[in-house]
Protein backbone atom coordinates (compact mmCIF):
# COMPACT_ATOMS: atom_id res chain seq x y z
CA MET A 1 -14.58 -50.93 -32.21
CA ALA A 2 -11.76 -50.25 -34.21
CA LEU A 3 -11.79 -47.27 -37.31
CA GLY A 4 -11.42 -48.12 -40.27
CA PRO A 5 -12.64 -46.71 -43.57
CA GLN A 6 -15.88 -46.22 -45.51
CA ARG A 7 -17.16 -45.38 -49.11
CA LEU A 8 -20.29 -43.53 -49.28
CA PRO A 9 -22.71 -43.83 -52.04
CA ASN A 10 -21.79 -40.30 -52.85
CA GLY A 11 -18.34 -41.30 -53.41
CA LEU A 12 -16.40 -39.46 -50.12
CA ARG A 13 -13.92 -41.99 -48.69
CA VAL A 14 -14.47 -41.59 -44.77
CA MET A 15 -13.02 -42.95 -41.30
CA ARG A 16 -16.01 -44.02 -39.68
CA VAL A 17 -16.31 -45.62 -36.47
CA ASP A 18 -19.47 -47.90 -36.54
CA PRO A 19 -20.46 -48.55 -40.41
CA GLY A 20 -23.73 -48.85 -39.20
CA GLU A 21 -24.31 -45.57 -37.90
CA THR A 22 -22.00 -44.43 -40.66
CA ALA A 23 -24.41 -45.29 -42.88
CA ALA A 24 -27.67 -43.94 -41.00
CA ILE A 25 -26.12 -40.53 -39.94
CA TYR A 26 -25.12 -40.28 -44.13
CA ARG A 27 -28.48 -40.47 -45.01
CA GLU A 28 -29.63 -38.08 -42.14
CA VAL A 29 -27.77 -35.40 -43.35
CA PHE A 30 -26.14 -36.25 -47.21
CA VAL A 31 -30.15 -37.37 -48.47
CA GLU A 32 -32.96 -36.26 -45.87
CA GLU A 33 -30.34 -32.98 -46.13
CA SER A 34 -32.09 -33.09 -42.13
CA TYR A 35 -29.81 -29.48 -40.83
CA VAL A 36 -31.12 -27.57 -43.86
CA THR A 37 -35.20 -27.08 -44.69
CA ASP A 38 -36.54 -24.12 -48.14
CA GLY A 39 -35.20 -20.68 -46.68
CA PHE A 40 -32.84 -22.12 -43.78
CA PRO A 41 -29.91 -20.39 -43.55
CA ALA A 42 -31.49 -17.89 -45.12
CA ALA A 43 -28.19 -16.33 -46.24
CA GLU A 44 -24.69 -18.21 -46.88
CA PRO A 45 -23.20 -18.93 -44.12
CA ASP A 46 -18.86 -17.43 -43.26
CA VAL A 47 -18.49 -19.20 -39.78
CA ILE A 48 -20.48 -22.67 -38.89
CA VAL A 49 -20.00 -24.83 -35.81
CA ASP A 50 -20.85 -28.02 -35.60
CA VAL A 51 -21.20 -29.03 -31.99
CA GLY A 52 -21.47 -32.89 -31.78
CA ALA A 53 -19.73 -33.03 -34.45
CA ASN A 54 -19.30 -37.00 -34.47
CA ILE A 55 -16.82 -38.67 -37.23
CA GLY A 56 -17.93 -35.06 -38.92
CA LEU A 57 -20.09 -35.93 -41.69
CA ALA A 58 -22.39 -33.09 -41.23
CA SER A 59 -19.07 -30.47 -41.21
CA ILE A 60 -18.27 -32.19 -44.58
CA PHE A 61 -21.88 -31.39 -46.29
CA PHE A 62 -22.03 -28.02 -44.37
CA ALA A 63 -18.62 -27.33 -46.60
CA ARG A 64 -19.59 -28.82 -50.03
CA ARG A 65 -22.63 -26.69 -49.28
CA HIS A 66 -20.89 -23.38 -48.41
CA PRO A 67 -16.85 -24.13 -49.57
CA GLY A 68 -16.30 -20.32 -48.25
CA ALA A 69 -17.00 -21.12 -44.65
CA PHE A 70 -15.05 -21.88 -41.56
CA VAL A 71 -15.76 -25.11 -39.97
CA ILE A 72 -15.02 -25.47 -36.44
CA ALA A 73 -16.06 -28.88 -35.03
CA ALA A 74 -16.10 -30.14 -31.51
CA GLU A 75 -15.94 -33.95 -30.44
CA PRO A 76 -15.66 -35.15 -27.03
CA ALA A 77 -15.55 -39.31 -27.84
CA PRO A 78 -12.34 -40.83 -28.58
CA GLU A 79 -12.27 -42.79 -31.50
CA PRO A 80 -15.30 -40.65 -33.82
CA TYR A 81 -13.22 -37.41 -32.69
CA ALA A 82 -10.08 -39.36 -34.03
CA ALA A 83 -12.17 -40.28 -37.48
CA LEU A 84 -13.19 -36.38 -37.16
CA ARG A 85 -9.44 -35.25 -37.12
CA GLN A 86 -8.71 -37.28 -40.41
CA ASN A 87 -12.06 -36.37 -42.31
CA LEU A 88 -11.58 -32.47 -41.91
CA ALA A 89 -7.61 -33.04 -42.76
CA ARG A 90 -8.86 -34.52 -46.38
CA TYR A 91 -12.41 -32.51 -46.65
CA VAL A 92 -12.46 -29.54 -44.96
CA PRO A 93 -8.73 -28.92 -44.63
CA SER A 94 -9.34 -25.42 -43.84
CA GLY A 95 -11.80 -26.25 -40.64
CA VAL A 96 -10.92 -27.09 -36.76
CA ALA A 97 -11.48 -30.42 -34.74
CA ARG A 98 -12.03 -29.81 -31.14
CA ASN A 99 -11.97 -32.75 -28.54
CA VAL A 100 -13.98 -31.00 -26.39
CA ALA A 101 -18.05 -31.34 -25.36
CA VAL A 102 -19.56 -27.71 -25.52
CA ALA A 103 -20.94 -27.01 -22.45
CA GLU A 104 -22.57 -25.40 -19.82
CA ARG A 105 -19.18 -24.56 -18.66
CA ASN A 106 -15.58 -24.20 -18.95
CA GLY A 107 -13.73 -27.82 -17.09
CA THR A 108 -14.07 -31.17 -16.99
CA ARG A 109 -17.38 -33.87 -16.98
CA ARG A 110 -18.31 -37.03 -16.49
CA PHE A 111 -19.21 -38.36 -20.65
CA GLY A 112 -21.08 -41.69 -20.83
CA TYR A 113 -19.47 -43.34 -24.23
CA TYR A 114 -21.43 -46.28 -26.19
CA PRO A 115 -18.42 -47.98 -28.00
CA ASP A 116 -20.39 -49.64 -30.53
CA ALA A 117 -22.99 -46.91 -31.08
CA PRO A 118 -20.80 -43.48 -30.21
CA ALA A 119 -23.15 -40.94 -31.39
CA GLU A 120 -25.71 -41.75 -28.53
CA SER A 121 -23.18 -40.83 -26.48
CA GLY A 122 -23.87 -38.13 -23.68
CA PHE A 123 -23.82 -36.50 -20.70
CA TYR A 124 -26.94 -38.07 -20.18
CA ALA A 125 -26.57 -41.47 -21.45
CA ASP A 126 -29.09 -43.56 -20.52
CA ARG A 127 -28.49 -47.68 -21.63
CA ALA A 128 -31.64 -48.97 -20.55
CA ARG A 129 -34.18 -46.21 -22.49
CA GLU A 130 -31.17 -45.96 -25.50
CA ILE A 131 -31.39 -50.23 -25.62
CA GLU A 132 -35.23 -50.19 -25.57
CA LEU A 133 -35.13 -47.16 -28.31
CA ALA A 134 -32.69 -49.15 -30.50
CA ARG A 135 -35.08 -51.98 -29.74
CA GLN A 136 -38.11 -50.27 -31.08
CA VAL A 137 -35.83 -48.64 -34.44
CA LEU A 138 -34.65 -51.87 -35.40
CA VAL A 139 -38.03 -53.94 -34.93
CA ARG A 140 -39.87 -51.44 -36.94
CA ASN A 141 -37.46 -52.14 -39.98
CA GLY A 142 -37.89 -55.90 -39.85
CA VAL A 143 -35.07 -57.34 -37.15
CA PRO A 144 -37.38 -60.67 -35.49
CA GLU A 145 -38.30 -58.86 -31.45
CA ARG A 146 -35.95 -61.35 -30.25
CA ASP A 147 -32.64 -60.78 -32.21
CA ALA A 148 -33.85 -57.01 -32.11
CA ALA A 149 -33.31 -57.09 -28.36
CA ARG A 150 -30.01 -58.90 -28.41
CA LEU A 151 -28.83 -56.45 -30.97
CA ALA A 152 -29.88 -53.77 -28.89
CA GLN A 153 -28.20 -55.04 -25.88
CA ALA A 154 -24.89 -55.82 -27.27
CA ARG A 155 -24.55 -52.24 -28.67
CA HIS A 156 -24.91 -50.04 -25.78
CA ARG A 157 -21.73 -51.13 -23.80
CA LEU A 158 -21.65 -48.26 -21.55
CA GLU A 159 -18.30 -46.67 -20.29
CA HIS A 160 -17.78 -43.31 -18.56
CA LEU A 161 -14.88 -40.80 -18.89
CA GLU A 162 -13.73 -37.40 -17.90
CA CYS A 163 -13.40 -34.84 -20.56
CA PRO A 164 -12.92 -31.50 -21.59
CA THR A 165 -15.83 -28.92 -21.35
CA VAL A 166 -15.86 -25.91 -23.06
CA THR A 167 -19.14 -22.80 -23.07
CA LEU A 168 -19.85 -22.16 -27.26
CA SER A 169 -18.33 -18.46 -25.77
CA THR A 170 -15.67 -19.83 -25.24
CA LEU A 171 -15.03 -21.81 -28.37
CA ILE A 172 -15.67 -19.42 -30.80
CA ARG A 173 -13.03 -16.69 -28.61
CA GLU A 174 -10.33 -18.92 -28.99
CA GLU A 175 -10.77 -20.04 -32.22
CA GLY A 176 -10.61 -15.82 -33.11
CA VAL A 177 -14.13 -15.54 -34.70
CA ASP A 178 -16.45 -12.76 -33.59
CA ARG A 179 -19.59 -14.36 -34.95
CA VAL A 180 -21.49 -17.75 -35.75
CA ASP A 181 -23.13 -17.49 -38.81
CA LEU A 182 -25.05 -20.93 -38.07
CA LEU A 183 -24.79 -22.96 -35.16
CA LYS A 184 -25.32 -27.00 -35.30
CA ILE A 185 -26.07 -28.48 -31.77
CA ASP A 186 -26.50 -32.35 -32.12
CA VAL A 187 -25.47 -33.43 -28.13
CA GLU A 188 -27.91 -36.66 -27.65
CA ARG A 189 -30.27 -34.06 -24.65
CA GLY A 190 -27.23 -32.06 -23.87
CA GLU A 191 -28.39 -28.97 -25.94
CA LEU A 192 -29.31 -27.18 -23.26
CA ASP A 193 -26.23 -27.18 -21.70
CA VAL A 194 -24.76 -25.71 -24.45
CA LEU A 195 -26.99 -22.74 -24.80
CA ALA A 196 -26.50 -22.07 -20.95
CA GLY A 197 -22.93 -21.61 -21.87
CA ILE A 198 -23.63 -19.01 -24.31
CA ALA A 199 -23.12 -15.55 -22.69
CA GLU A 200 -25.88 -13.08 -23.23
CA ALA A 201 -23.80 -10.70 -25.21
CA ASP A 202 -22.75 -13.32 -27.78
CA TRP A 203 -26.68 -14.22 -28.43
CA GLY A 204 -26.34 -11.71 -31.15
CA ARG A 205 -23.50 -13.09 -32.62
CA ILE A 206 -25.45 -16.09 -34.01
CA GLY A 207 -26.90 -16.43 -37.30
CA HIS A 208 -29.56 -19.15 -37.15
CA LEU A 209 -29.42 -22.37 -35.44
CA VAL A 210 -30.49 -25.73 -36.24
CA LEU A 211 -31.01 -28.64 -33.33
CA GLU A 212 -32.22 -31.54 -31.95
CA VAL A 213 -34.49 -31.25 -28.84
CA HIS A 214 -35.36 -34.02 -26.69
CA ASP A 215 -39.01 -32.92 -25.93
CA VAL A 216 -38.31 -34.54 -22.30
CA ALA A 217 -40.18 -32.43 -19.42
CA GLY A 218 -41.25 -29.12 -21.42
CA ARG A 219 -37.77 -29.00 -23.00
CA LEU A 220 -38.97 -28.41 -26.96
CA ALA A 221 -41.58 -25.38 -25.27
CA HIS A 222 -38.47 -24.27 -23.04
CA VAL A 223 -36.08 -23.82 -26.29
CA VAL A 224 -38.44 -22.46 -28.79
CA SER A 225 -39.93 -19.73 -25.67
CA LEU A 226 -35.78 -19.22 -25.18
CA LEU A 227 -34.71 -18.42 -28.12
CA ARG A 228 -37.82 -16.51 -29.03
CA ASP A 229 -36.69 -14.34 -26.29
CA ARG A 230 -33.68 -13.50 -28.21
CA GLY A 231 -35.36 -12.58 -31.08
CA PHE A 232 -35.42 -15.64 -33.70
CA HIS A 233 -38.16 -16.81 -35.77
CA VAL A 234 -38.65 -20.20 -35.01
CA GLU A 235 -40.08 -23.57 -36.55
CA VAL A 236 -39.65 -27.03 -35.22
CA ARG A 237 -40.26 -30.22 -37.09
CA GLN A 238 -40.47 -33.98 -36.57
CA GLU A 239 -39.78 -36.45 -40.01
CA GLY A 240 -40.87 -39.07 -40.20
CA ARG A 241 -37.30 -41.00 -39.11
CA LEU A 242 -38.12 -39.11 -35.78
CA ALA A 243 -41.60 -40.27 -35.34
CA GLY A 244 -42.86 -41.63 -32.07
CA THR A 245 -39.91 -40.52 -30.35
CA ASP A 246 -38.86 -37.22 -28.02
CA MET A 247 -36.52 -36.15 -30.46
CA HIS A 248 -37.37 -33.16 -32.43
CA LEU A 249 -35.70 -30.91 -34.70
CA LEU A 250 -35.28 -26.75 -34.74
CA TYR A 251 -34.67 -24.27 -36.76
CA ALA A 252 -34.08 -20.52 -35.69
CA THR A 253 -32.76 -17.81 -37.82
């Protein structure tokens, strides 16, 4: 899908890939404010890292909320990254956009990309699963069953590409920061890979994390335990929009 401009309800004019997806992300980030809660983050962040930045709406939200912060945004998919660069240039000019996937090791890796549903792309892309989840959401929102199945199928044309990967520890060294005050992770079932790429010596450099966790095979309990073992206070929530799914939001301080 070609890039194009889109005016958001709050007046921002952004570059986007898919207008419907952008509207959904806008609602999640700016209306529901899913990446913050009362008292989180507990301190004003100076350095923010947005892993799985897509077109950059979360990066823009954080920058507007914390105007003095330095934002690093990482996005591996080609079209969302192109939009991300333009959106950061316009709204977060001091920020940095990186066309990489943050993972457990430096190198390259096969990435599953949905050109018509880029926010659902990732290393663990599962077309059948994504089609079924999209169908359920469409039906829940009043789309007739047959139309929902057709639309869900059409949106999930899967391609594969090789993309560069870096660990979070490598990323922060390359960008010359000595800490991450707020780390946001939303990488479609790749969250454990991101956490595995944090060197033990760097855990003490991280102040807050907000991440979407897919609770498959006990993953949620594993992530909570991992963070608590490293001294974080952890809160888990499942918002109404995620009801009936394996997706949870986790806030760690």
